[in-house]
Amino acid sequence: MESADKVTFLTALAPTIAIVGVAGMIGWVFTTWLKIRNGYPLENGWGKPLYPQKNDETVERVKLLSQENAQLRAELGAVKDRLANVERIVTDSGHGLDREIEALRGRAN
């Protein structure tokens, strides 16, 4: 093969090689995403699963986030109760609303 033929052959082959490389990387990203989405552990280069490291800082962070989550859930429950009361008052007939307002005024005095 002459040098010009080799250059022409490689020039024609380069896009195919690039497409195969990009397709391989996209496939790797997609399978990694599927593993993460479905809860499978990620693997290192030797096929051993990678688990998150547990040190004192991460354990403390998880505890703090769990406490904050519990507080936010309690606050959300209270807000839902208040919203249910407001919805009940708004959708109630005008007569019922008048009775409730008068009952609340009677408690304040």
PDB file of N, CA and C in Angstrom:
ATOM      1  N   MET A   1       0.841  -1.188   0.000  1.00  0.00           N
ATOM      2  CA  MET A   1       0.000   0.000   0.000  1.00  0.00           C
ATOM      3  C   MET A   1       0.869   1.228   0.000  1.00  0.00           C
ATOM      4  N   GLU A   2       0.452   2.180  -0.763  1.00  0.00           N
ATOM      5  CA  GLU A   2       1.205   3.415  -0.810  1.00  0.00           C
ATOM      6  C   GLU A   2       0.827   4.301   0.371  1.00  0.00           C
ATOM      7  N   SER A   3       1.611   5.275   0.607  1.00  0.00           N
ATOM      8  CA  SER A   3       1.389   6.186   1.728  1.00  0.00           C
ATOM      9  C   SER A   3       0.074   6.944   1.570  1.00  0.00           C
ATOM     10  N   ALA A   4      -0.236   7.344   0.359  1.00  0.00           N
ATOM     11  CA  ALA A   4      -1.479   8.087   0.113  1.00  0.00           C
ATOM     12  C   ALA A   4      -2.686   7.198   0.374  1.00  0.00           C
ATOM     13  N   ASP A   5      -2.576   5.912   0.009  1.00  0.00           N
ATOM     14  CA  ASP A   5      -3.670   4.979   0.256  1.00  0.00           C
ATOM     15  C   ASP A   5      -3.882   4.773   1.759  1.00  0.00           C
ATOM     16  N   LYS A   6      -2.802   4.707   2.519  1.00  0.00           N
ATOM     17  CA  LYS A   6      -2.898   4.534   3.973  1.00  0.00           C
ATOM     18  C   LYS A   6      -3.585   5.742   4.619  1.00  0.00           C
ATOM     19  N   VAL A   7      -3.199   6.925   4.165  1.00  0.00           N
ATOM     20  CA  VAL A   7      -3.797   8.150   4.704  1.00  0.00           C
ATOM     21  C   VAL A   7      -5.289   8.187   4.371  1.00  0.00           C
ATOM     22  N   THR A   8      -5.650   7.838   3.166  1.00  0.00           N
ATOM     23  CA  THR A   8      -7.050   7.822   2.753  1.00  0.00           C
ATOM     24  C   THR A   8      -7.838   6.799   3.568  1.00  0.00           C
ATOM     25  N   PHE A   9      -7.250   5.626   3.776  1.00  0.00           N
ATOM     26  CA  PHE A   9      -7.905   4.577   4.555  1.00  0.00           C
ATOM     27  C   PHE A   9      -8.122   5.018   5.999  1.00  0.00           C
ATOM     28  N   LEU A  10      -7.099   5.605   6.610  1.00  0.00           N
ATOM     29  CA  LEU A  10      -7.216   6.069   7.990  1.00  0.00           C
ATOM     30  C   LEU A  10      -8.195   7.240   8.103  1.00  0.00           C
ATOM     31  N   THR A  11      -8.212   8.112   7.117  1.00  0.00           N
ATOM     32  CA  THR A  11      -9.154   9.222   7.121  1.00  0.00           C
ATOM     33  C   THR A  11     -10.596   8.710   7.032  1.00  0.00           C
ATOM     34  N   ALA A  12     -10.805   7.679   6.252  1.00  0.00           N
ATOM     35  CA  ALA A  12     -12.143   7.097   6.139  1.00  0.00           C
ATOM     36  C   ALA A  12     -12.520   6.322   7.394  1.00  0.00           C
ATOM     37  N   LEU A  13     -11.544   5.749   8.088  1.00  0.00           N
ATOM     38  CA  LEU A  13     -11.789   4.927   9.263  1.00  0.00           C
ATOM     39  C   LEU A  13     -11.946   5.755  10.543  1.00  0.00           C
ATOM     40  N   ALA A  14     -11.405   6.959  10.596  1.00  0.00           N
ATOM     41  CA  ALA A  14     -11.405   7.783  11.805  1.00  0.00           C
ATOM     42  C   ALA A  14     -12.814   8.088  12.327  1.00  0.00           C
ATOM     43  N   PRO A  15     -13.788   8.497  11.492  1.00  0.00           N
ATOM     44  CA  PRO A  15     -15.126   8.755  12.038  1.00  0.00           C
ATOM     45  C   PRO A  15     -15.762   7.519  12.659  1.00  0.00           C
ATOM     46  N   THR A  16     -15.515   6.359  12.062  1.00  0.00           N
ATOM     47  CA  THR A  16     -16.064   5.121  12.614  1.00  0.00           C
ATOM     48  C   THR A  16     -15.476   4.846  13.990  1.00  0.00           C
ATOM     49  N   ILE A  17     -14.193   5.031  14.132  1.00  0.00           N
ATOM     50  CA  ILE A  17     -13.531   4.814  15.422  1.00  0.00           C
ATOM     51  C   ILE A  17     -14.078   5.812  16.454  1.00  0.00           C
ATOM     52  N   ALA A  18     -14.273   7.061  16.041  1.00  0.00           N
ATOM     53  CA  ALA A  18     -14.798   8.073  16.964  1.00  0.00           C
ATOM     54  C   ALA A  18     -16.216   7.724  17.396  1.00  0.00           C
ATOM     55  N   ILE A  19     -17.050   7.277  16.463  1.00  0.00           N
ATOM     56  CA  ILE A  19     -18.434   6.929  16.787  1.00  0.00           C
ATOM     57  C   ILE A  19     -18.480   5.746  17.752  1.00  0.00           C
ATOM     58  N   VAL A  20     -17.652   4.748  17.524  1.00  0.00           N
ATOM     59  CA  VAL A  20     -17.619   3.591  18.414  1.00  0.00           C
ATOM     60  C   VAL A  20     -17.146   4.005  19.809  1.00  0.00           C
ATOM     61  N   GLY A  21     -16.157   4.876  19.876  1.00  0.00           N
ATOM     62  CA  GLY A  21     -15.674   5.351  21.178  1.00  0.00           C
ATOM     63  C   GLY A  21     -16.719   6.133  21.943  1.00  0.00           C
ATOM     64  N   VAL A  22     -17.404   7.041  21.260  1.00  0.00           N
ATOM     65  CA  VAL A  22     -18.450   7.835  21.904  1.00  0.00           C
ATOM     66  C   VAL A  22     -19.605   6.939  22.329  1.00  0.00           C
ATOM     67  N   ALA A  23     -19.983   5.994  21.484  1.00  0.00           N
ATOM     68  CA  ALA A  23     -21.070   5.070  21.842  1.00  0.00           C
ATOM     69  C   ALA A  23     -20.694   4.243  23.069  1.00  0.00           C
ATOM     70  N   GLY A  24     -19.447   3.832  23.169  1.00  0.00           N
ATOM     71  CA  GLY A  24     -18.990   3.081  24.343  1.00  0.00           C
ATOM     72  C   GLY A  24     -19.066   3.912  25.604  1.00  0.00           C
ATOM     73  N   MET A  25     -18.668   5.180  25.530  1.00  0.00           N
ATOM     74  CA  MET A  25     -18.731   6.046  26.705  1.00  0.00           C
ATOM     75  C   MET A  25     -20.179   6.313  27.111  1.00  0.00           C
ATOM     76  N   ILE A  26     -21.042   6.530  26.139  1.00  0.00           N
ATOM     77  CA  ILE A  26     -22.460   6.752  26.441  1.00  0.00           C
ATOM     78  C   ILE A  26     -23.062   5.507  27.083  1.00  0.00           C
ATOM     79  N   GLY A  27     -22.699   4.343  26.583  1.00  0.00           N
ATOM     80  CA  GLY A  27     -23.189   3.094  27.179  1.00  0.00           C
ATOM     81  C   GLY A  27     -22.719   2.930  28.610  1.00  0.00           C
ATOM     82  N   TRP A  28     -21.465   3.280  28.870  1.00  0.00           N
ATOM     83  CA  TRP A  28     -20.926   3.169  30.230  1.00  0.00           C
ATOM     84  C   TRP A  28     -21.663   4.114  31.180  1.00  0.00           C
ATOM     85  N   VAL A  29     -21.895   5.355  30.730  1.00  0.00           N
ATOM     86  CA  VAL A  29     -22.618   6.324  31.564  1.00  0.00           C
ATOM     87  C   VAL A  29     -24.030   5.828  31.823  1.00  0.00           C
ATOM     88  N   PHE A  30     -24.690   5.296  30.805  1.00  0.00           N
ATOM     89  CA  PHE A  30     -26.062   4.812  30.954  1.00  0.00           C
ATOM     90  C   PHE A  30     -26.142   3.639  31.930  1.00  0.00           C
ATOM     91  N   THR A  31     -25.231   2.675  31.822  1.00  0.00           N
ATOM     92  CA  THR A  31     -25.278   1.529  32.743  1.00  0.00           C
ATOM     93  C   THR A  31     -24.949   1.956  34.164  1.00  0.00           C
ATOM     94  N   THR A  32     -24.041   2.907  34.326  1.00  0.00           N
ATOM     95  CA  THR A  32     -23.733   3.414  35.665  1.00  0.00           C
ATOM     96  C   THR A  32     -24.957   4.109  36.247  1.00  0.00           C
ATOM     97  N   TRP A  33     -25.650   4.894  35.449  1.00  0.00           N
ATOM     98  CA  TRP A  33     -26.862   5.559  35.899  1.00  0.00           C
ATOM     99  C   TRP A  33     -27.917   4.533  36.312  1.00  0.00           C
ATOM    100  N   LEU A  34     -28.074   3.475  35.525  1.00  0.00           N
ATOM    101  CA  LEU A  34     -29.043   2.436  35.876  1.00  0.00           C
ATOM    102  C   LEU A  34     -28.678   1.755  37.196  1.00  0.00           C
ATOM    103  N   LYS A  35     -27.395   1.506  37.400  1.00  0.00           N
ATOM    104  CA  LYS A  35     -26.968   0.880  38.655  1.00  0.00           C
ATOM    105  C   LYS A  35     -27.295   1.783  39.841  1.00  0.00           C
ATOM    106  N   ILE A  36     -26.994   3.055  39.712  1.00  0.00           N
ATOM    107  CA  ILE A  36     -27.264   3.997  40.807  1.00  0.00           C
ATOM    108  C   ILE A  36     -28.762   4.095  41.051  1.00  0.00           C
ATOM    109  N   ARG A  37     -29.535   4.195  39.987  1.00  0.00           N
ATOM    110  CA  ARG A  37     -30.983   4.348  40.102  1.00  0.00           C
ATOM    111  C   ARG A  37     -31.635   3.152  40.779  1.00  0.00           C
ATOM    112  N   ASN A  38     -31.122   1.956  40.523  1.00  0.00           N
ATOM    113  CA  ASN A  38     -31.730   0.746  41.058  1.00  0.00           C
ATOM    114  C   ASN A  38     -31.051   0.241  42.320  1.00  0.00           C
ATOM    115  N   GLY A  39     -30.106   0.988  42.865  1.00  0.00           N
ATOM    116  CA  GLY A  39     -29.523   0.664  44.156  1.00  0.00           C
ATOM    117  C   GLY A  39     -28.378  -0.320  44.140  1.00  0.00           C
ATOM    118  N   TYR A  40     -27.825  -0.625  42.973  1.00  0.00           N
ATOM    119  CA  TYR A  40     -26.679  -1.526  42.928  1.00  0.00           C
ATOM    120  C   TYR A  40     -25.414  -0.760  43.292  1.00  0.00           C
ATOM    121  N   PRO A  41     -24.476  -1.421  43.955  1.00  0.00           N
ATOM    122  CA  PRO A  41     -23.240  -0.707  44.293  1.00  0.00           C
ATOM    123  C   PRO A  41     -22.388  -0.497  43.043  1.00  0.00           C
ATOM    124  N   LEU A  42     -21.702   0.620  43.022  1.00  0.00           N
ATOM    125  CA  LEU A  42     -20.779   0.872  41.925  1.00  0.00           C
ATOM    126  C   LEU A  42     -19.552   0.000  42.098  1.00  0.00           C
ATOM    127  N   GLU A  43     -18.818  -0.217  41.012  1.00  0.00           N
ATOM    128  CA  GLU A  43     -17.654  -1.088  41.058  1.00  0.00           C
ATOM    129  C   GLU A  43     -16.410  -0.307  40.671  1.00  0.00           C
ATOM    130  N   ASN A  44     -15.264  -0.738  41.239  1.00  0.00           N
ATOM    131  CA  ASN A  44     -14.007  -0.134  40.842  1.00  0.00           C
ATOM    132  C   ASN A  44     -13.497  -0.824  39.582  1.00  0.00           C
ATOM    133  N   GLY A  45     -12.287  -0.522  39.187  1.00  0.00           N
ATOM    134  CA  GLY A  45     -11.728  -1.091  37.968  1.00  0.00           C
ATOM    135  C   GLY A  45     -11.542  -2.601  38.015  1.00  0.00           C
ATOM    136  N   TRP A  46     -11.492  -3.195  39.207  1.00  0.00           N
ATOM    137  CA  TRP A  46     -11.285  -4.630  39.341  1.00  0.00           C
ATOM    138  C   TRP A  46     -12.590  -5.379  39.584  1.00  0.00           C
ATOM    139  N   GLY A  47     -13.702  -4.704  39.521  1.00  0.00           N
ATOM    140  CA  GLY A  47     -14.988  -5.354  39.690  1.00  0.00           C
ATOM    141  C   GLY A  47     -15.456  -5.471  41.125  1.00  0.00           C
ATOM    142  N   LYS A  48     -14.695  -4.904  42.059  1.00  0.00           N
ATOM    143  CA  LYS A  48     -15.104  -4.949  43.462  1.00  0.00           C
ATOM    144  C   LYS A  48     -16.066  -3.794  43.736  1.00  0.00           C
ATOM    145  N   PRO A  49     -17.121  -4.047  44.525  1.00  0.00           N
ATOM    146  CA  PRO A  49     -18.087  -2.974  44.778  1.00  0.00           C
ATOM    147  C   PRO A  49     -17.492  -1.859  45.623  1.00  0.00           C
ATOM    148  N   LEU A  50     -17.911  -0.639  45.298  1.00  0.00           N
ATOM    149  CA  LEU A  50     -17.500   0.531  46.063  1.00  0.00           C
ATOM    150  C   LEU A  50     -18.646   0.925  46.975  1.00  0.00           C
ATOM    151  N   TYR A  51     -18.375   1.023  48.238  1.00  0.00           N
ATOM    152  CA  TYR A  51     -19.375   1.440  49.207  1.00  0.00           C
ATOM    153  C   TYR A  51     -18.944   2.778  49.787  1.00  0.00           C
ATOM    154  N   PRO A  52     -19.897   3.613  50.155  1.00  0.00           N
ATOM    155  CA  PRO A  52     -19.509   4.897  50.744  1.00  0.00           C
ATOM    156  C   PRO A  52     -18.750   4.674  52.048  1.00  0.00           C
ATOM    157  N   GLN A  53     -17.760   5.492  52.249  1.00  0.00           N
ATOM    158  CA  GLN A  53     -16.968   5.369  53.474  1.00  0.00           C
ATOM    159  C   GLN A  53     -17.763   5.920  54.643  1.00  0.00           C
ATOM    160  N   LYS A  54     -17.703   5.215  55.744  1.00  0.00           N
ATOM    161  CA  LYS A  54     -18.377   5.676  56.953  1.00  0.00           C
ATOM    162  C   LYS A  54     -17.319   6.123  57.949  1.00  0.00           C
ATOM    163  N   ASN A  55     -17.258   7.408  58.157  1.00  0.00           N
ATOM    164  CA  ASN A  55     -16.390   7.919  59.198  1.00  0.00           C
ATOM    165  C   ASN A  55     -17.248   8.743  60.157  1.00  0.00           C
ATOM    166  N   ASP A  56     -16.641   9.266  61.178  1.00  0.00           N
ATOM    167  CA  ASP A  56     -17.395   9.978  62.209  1.00  0.00           C
ATOM    168  C   ASP A  56     -18.144  11.180  61.640  1.00  0.00           C
ATOM    169  N   GLU A  57     -17.519  11.864  60.692  1.00  0.00           N
ATOM    170  CA  GLU A  57     -18.148  13.059  60.118  1.00  0.00           C
ATOM    171  C   GLU A  57     -19.417  12.702  59.347  1.00  0.00           C
ATOM    172  N   THR A  58     -19.365  11.660  58.541  1.00  0.00           N
ATOM    173  CA  THR A  58     -20.553  11.292  57.759  1.00  0.00           C
ATOM    174  C   THR A  58     -21.655  10.739  58.655  1.00  0.00           C
ATOM    175  N   VAL A  59     -21.289  10.010  59.688  1.00  0.00           N
ATOM    176  CA  VAL A  59     -22.296   9.491  60.619  1.00  0.00           C
ATOM    177  C   VAL A  59     -22.987  10.646  61.334  1.00  0.00           C
ATOM    178  N   GLU A  60     -22.217  11.632  61.756  1.00  0.00           N
ATOM    179  CA  GLU A  60     -22.788  12.804  62.432  1.00  0.00           C
ATOM    180  C   GLU A  60     -23.679  13.586  61.478  1.00  0.00           C
ATOM    181  N   ARG A  61     -23.245  13.719  60.234  1.00  0.00           N
ATOM    182  CA  ARG A  61     -24.043  14.436  59.243  1.00  0.00           C
ATOM    183  C   ARG A  61     -25.374  13.730  59.000  1.00  0.00           C
ATOM    184  N   VAL A  62     -25.358  12.418  58.947  1.00  0.00           N
ATOM    185  CA  VAL A  62     -26.592  11.655  58.753  1.00  0.00           C
ATOM    186  C   VAL A  62     -27.525  11.846  59.949  1.00  0.00           C
ATOM    187  N   LYS A  63     -26.968  11.846  61.157  1.00  0.00           N
ATOM    188  CA  LYS A  63     -27.792  12.073  62.355  1.00  0.00           C
ATOM    189  C   LYS A  63     -28.444  13.444  62.320  1.00  0.00           C
ATOM    190  N   LEU A  64     -27.664  14.474  61.979  1.00  0.00           N
ATOM    191  CA  LEU A  64     -28.207  15.827  61.927  1.00  0.00           C
ATOM    192  C   LEU A  64     -29.285  15.951  60.853  1.00  0.00           C
ATOM    193  N   LEU A  65     -29.045  15.354  59.700  1.00  0.00           N
ATOM    194  CA  LEU A  65     -30.042  15.409  58.636  1.00  0.00           C
ATOM    195  C   LEU A  65     -31.303  14.638  59.010  1.00  0.00           C
ATOM    196  N   SER A  66     -31.147  13.548  59.738  1.00  0.00           N
ATOM    197  CA  SER A  66     -32.313  12.781  60.179  1.00  0.00           C
ATOM    198  C   SER A  66     -33.142  13.583  61.176  1.00  0.00           C
ATOM    199  N   GLN A  67     -32.462  14.279  62.094  1.00  0.00           N
ATOM    200  CA  GLN A  67     -33.175  15.124  63.056  1.00  0.00           C
ATOM    201  C   GLN A  67     -33.901  16.264  62.357  1.00  0.00           C
ATOM    202  N   GLU A  68     -33.213  16.891  61.408  1.00  0.00           N
ATOM    203  CA  GLU A  68     -33.835  17.983  60.670  1.00  0.00           C
ATOM    204  C   GLU A  68     -35.033  17.470  59.867  1.00  0.00           C
ATOM    205  N   ASN A  69     -34.895  16.292  59.299  1.00  0.00           N
ATOM    206  CA  ASN A  69     -35.988  15.693  58.541  1.00  0.00           C
ATOM    207  C   ASN A  69     -37.200  15.447  59.440  1.00  0.00           C
ATOM    208  N   ALA A  70     -36.965  14.950  60.641  1.00  0.00           N
ATOM    209  CA  ALA A  70     -38.063  14.697  61.577  1.00  0.00           C
ATOM    210  C   ALA A  70     -38.747  16.009  61.972  1.00  0.00           C
ATOM    211  N   GLN A  71     -37.959  17.054  62.208  1.00  0.00           N
ATOM    212  CA  GLN A  71     -38.537  18.351  62.560  1.00  0.00           C
ATOM    213  C   GLN A  71     -39.379  18.911  61.416  1.00  0.00           C
ATOM    214  N   LEU A  72     -38.861  18.790  60.205  1.00  0.00           N
ATOM    215  CA  LEU A  72     -39.594  19.304  59.055  1.00  0.00           C
ATOM    216  C   LEU A  72     -40.875  18.521  58.812  1.00  0.00           C
ATOM    217  N   ARG A  73     -40.830  17.212  59.046  1.00  0.00           N
ATOM    218  CA  ARG A  73     -42.042  16.403  58.892  1.00  0.00           C
ATOM    219  C   ARG A  73     -43.101  16.802  59.929  1.00  0.00           C
ATOM    220  N   ALA A  74     -42.672  17.061  61.170  1.00  0.00           N
ATOM    221  CA  ALA A  74     -43.613  17.491  62.207  1.00  0.00           C
ATOM    222  C   ALA A  74     -44.211  18.849  61.844  1.00  0.00           C
ATOM    223  N   GLU A  75     -43.381  19.756  61.369  1.00  0.00           N
ATOM    224  CA  GLU A  75     -43.868  21.069  60.965  1.00  0.00           C
ATOM    225  C   GLU A  75     -44.826  20.954  59.781  1.00  0.00           C
ATOM    226  N   LEU A  76     -44.516  20.084  58.849  1.00  0.00           N
ATOM    227  CA  LEU A  76     -45.398  19.871  57.705  1.00  0.00           C
ATOM    228  C   LEU A  76     -46.751  19.315  58.152  1.00  0.00           C
ATOM    229  N   GLY A  77     -46.744  18.414  59.128  1.00  0.00           N
ATOM    230  CA  GLY A  77     -47.995  17.890  59.660  1.00  0.00           C
ATOM    231  C   GLY A  77     -48.844  18.989  60.276  1.00  0.00           C
ATOM    232  N   ALA A  78     -48.202  19.892  61.024  1.00  0.00           N
ATOM    233  CA  ALA A  78     -48.931  21.006  61.635  1.00  0.00           C
ATOM    234  C   ALA A  78     -49.497  21.931  60.561  1.00  0.00           C
ATOM    235  N   VAL A  79     -48.722  22.184  59.528  1.00  0.00           N
ATOM    236  CA  VAL A  79     -49.193  23.051  58.446  1.00  0.00           C
ATOM    237  C   VAL A  79     -50.361  22.397  57.718  1.00  0.00           C
ATOM    238  N   LYS A  80     -50.304  21.090  57.520  1.00  0.00           N
ATOM    239  CA  LYS A  80     -51.414  20.385  56.871  1.00  0.00           C
ATOM    240  C   LYS A  80     -52.684  20.484  57.706  1.00  0.00           C
ATOM    241  N   ASP A  81     -52.559  20.353  59.029  1.00  0.00           N
ATOM    242  CA  ASP A  81     -53.723  20.484  59.903  1.00  0.00           C
ATOM    243  C   ASP A  81     -54.326  21.882  59.811  1.00  0.00           C
ATOM    244  N   ARG A  82     -53.467  22.898  59.831  1.00  0.00           N
ATOM    245  CA  ARG A  82     -53.955  24.269  59.736  1.00  0.00           C
ATOM    246  C   ARG A  82     -54.621  24.515  58.385  1.00  0.00           C
ATOM    247  N   LEU A  83     -54.039  23.978  57.330  1.00  0.00           N
ATOM    248  CA  LEU A  83     -54.610  24.147  56.004  1.00  0.00           C
ATOM    249  C   LEU A  83     -55.964  23.456  55.900  1.00  0.00           C
ATOM    250  N   ALA A  84     -56.089  22.301  56.521  1.00  0.00           N
ATOM    251  CA  ALA A  84     -57.379  21.606  56.516  1.00  0.00           C
ATOM    252  C   ALA A  84     -58.432  22.442  57.222  1.00  0.00           C
ATOM    253  N   ASN A  85     -58.066  23.086  58.323  1.00  0.00           N
ATOM    254  CA  ASN A  85     -59.014  23.953  59.031  1.00  0.00           C
ATOM    255  C   ASN A  85     -59.408  25.153  58.176  1.00  0.00           C
ATOM    256  N   VAL A  86     -58.437  25.750  57.516  1.00  0.00           N
ATOM    257  CA  VAL A  86     -58.732  26.903  56.660  1.00  0.00           C
ATOM    258  C   VAL A  86     -59.633  26.475  55.508  1.00  0.00           C
ATOM    259  N   GLU A  87     -59.342  25.334  54.891  1.00  0.00           N
ATOM    260  CA  GLU A  87     -60.188  24.844  53.799  1.00  0.00           C
ATOM    261  C   GLU A  87     -61.608  24.579  54.290  1.00  0.00           C
ATOM    262  N   ARG A  88     -61.723  24.009  55.467  1.00  0.00           N
ATOM    263  CA  ARG A  88     -63.046  23.727  56.023  1.00  0.00           C
ATOM    264  C   ARG A  88     -63.807  25.015  56.256  1.00  0.00           C
ATOM    265  N   ILE A  89     -63.141  26.029  56.779  1.00  0.00           N
ATOM    266  CA  ILE A  89     -63.794  27.310  57.052  1.00  0.00           C
ATOM    267  C   ILE A  89     -64.198  27.993  55.748  1.00  0.00           C
ATOM    268  N   VAL A  90     -63.319  27.957  54.756  1.00  0.00           N
ATOM    269  CA  VAL A  90     -63.603  28.633  53.492  1.00  0.00           C
ATOM    270  C   VAL A  90     -64.747  27.953  52.749  1.00  0.00           C
ATOM    271  N   THR A  91     -64.788  26.640  52.775  1.00  0.00           N
ATOM    272  CA  THR A  91     -65.822  25.924  52.028  1.00  0.00           C
ATOM    273  C   THR A  91     -67.124  25.798  52.806  1.00  0.00           C
ATOM    274  N   ASP A  92     -67.095  26.122  54.079  1.00  0.00           N
ATOM    275  CA  ASP A  92     -68.310  26.049  54.901  1.00  0.00           C
ATOM    276  C   ASP A  92     -69.263  27.170  54.494  1.00  0.00           C
ATOM    277  N   SER A  93     -70.522  26.994  54.791  1.00  0.00           N
ATOM    278  CA  SER A  93     -71.504  28.038  54.461  1.00  0.00           C
ATOM    279  C   SER A  93     -71.234  29.264  55.329  1.00  0.00           C
ATOM    280  N   GLY A  94     -71.776  30.395  54.916  1.00  0.00           N
ATOM    281  CA  GLY A  94     -71.572  31.639  55.644  1.00  0.00           C
ATOM    282  C   GLY A  94     -72.129  31.579  57.054  1.00  0.00           C
ATOM    283  N   HIS A  95     -73.242  30.870  57.243  1.00  0.00           N
ATOM    284  CA  HIS A  95     -73.844  30.771  58.567  1.00  0.00           C
ATOM    285  C   HIS A  95     -72.915  30.047  59.545  1.00  0.00           C
ATOM    286  N   GLY A  96     -72.310  28.965  59.098  1.00  0.00           N
ATOM    287  CA  GLY A  96     -71.391  28.220  59.961  1.00  0.00           C
ATOM    288  C   GLY A  96     -70.179  29.047  60.319  1.00  0.00           C
ATOM    289  N   LEU A  97     -69.709  29.844  59.377  1.00  0.00           N
ATOM    290  CA  LEU A  97     -68.563  30.705  59.614  1.00  0.00           C
ATOM    291  C   LEU A  97     -68.895  31.745  60.674  1.00  0.00           C
ATOM    292  N   ASP A  98     -70.071  32.321  60.592  1.00  0.00           N
ATOM    293  CA  ASP A  98     -70.491  33.300  61.597  1.00  0.00           C
ATOM    294  C   ASP A  98     -70.521  32.675  62.991  1.00  0.00           C
ATOM    295  N   ARG A  99     -71.043  31.452  63.085  1.00  0.00           N
ATOM    296  CA  ARG A  99     -71.096  30.769  64.381  1.00  0.00           C
ATOM    297  C   ARG A  99     -69.699  30.540  64.936  1.00  0.00           C
ATOM    298  N   GLU A 100     -68.759  30.122  64.078  1.00  0.00           N
ATOM    299  CA  GLU A 100     -67.395  29.863  64.554  1.00  0.00           C
ATOM    300  C   GLU A 100     -66.704  31.140  64.999  1.00  0.00           C
ATOM    301  N   ILE A 101     -66.919  32.219  64.252  1.00  0.00           N
ATOM    302  CA  ILE A 101     -66.307  33.492  64.639  1.00  0.00           C
ATOM    303  C   ILE A 101     -66.855  33.945  65.982  1.00  0.00           C
ATOM    304  N   GLU A 102     -68.141  33.836  66.161  1.00  0.00           N
ATOM    305  CA  GLU A 102     -68.749  34.225  67.436  1.00  0.00           C
ATOM    306  C   GLU A 102     -68.265  33.320  68.568  1.00  0.00           C
ATOM    307  N   ALA A 103     -68.094  32.035  68.293  1.00  0.00           N
ATOM    308  CA  ALA A 103     -67.594  31.121  69.321  1.00  0.00           C
ATOM    309  C   ALA A 103     -66.166  31.491  69.715  1.00  0.00           C
ATOM    310  N   LEU A 104     -65.362  31.870  68.742  1.00  0.00           N
ATOM    311  CA  LEU A 104     -63.988  32.274  69.037  1.00  0.00           C
ATOM    312  C   LEU A 104     -63.970  33.601  69.815  1.00  0.00           C
ATOM    313  N   ARG A 105     -64.863  34.498  69.485  1.00  0.00           N
ATOM    314  CA  ARG A 105     -64.942  35.759  70.236  1.00  0.00           C
ATOM    315  C   ARG A 105     -65.365  35.496  71.674  1.00  0.00           C
ATOM    316  N   GLY A 106     -66.248  34.527  71.854  1.00  0.00           N
ATOM    317  CA  GLY A 106     -66.718  34.188  73.194  1.00  0.00           C
ATOM    318  C   GLY A 106     -65.589  33.585  74.037  1.00  0.00           C
ATOM    319  N   ARG A 107     -64.690  32.833  73.429  1.00  0.00           N
ATOM    320  CA  ARG A 107     -63.563  32.260  74.164  1.00  0.00           C
ATOM    321  C   ARG A 107     -62.562  33.310  74.573  1.00  0.00           C
ATOM    322  N   ALA A 108     -62.380  34.332  73.716  1.00  0.00           N
ATOM    323  CA  ALA A 108     -61.401  35.380  73.990  1.00  0.00           C
ATOM    324  C   ALA A 108     -61.839  36.237  75.170  1.00  0.00           C
ATOM    325  N   ASN A 109     -63.125  36.388  75.365  1.00  0.00           N
ATOM    326  CA  ASN A 109     -63.611  37.245  76.463  1.00  0.00           C
ATOM    327  C   ASN A 109     -63.650  36.530  77.751  1.00  0.00           C
TER     328      ASN A 109
END
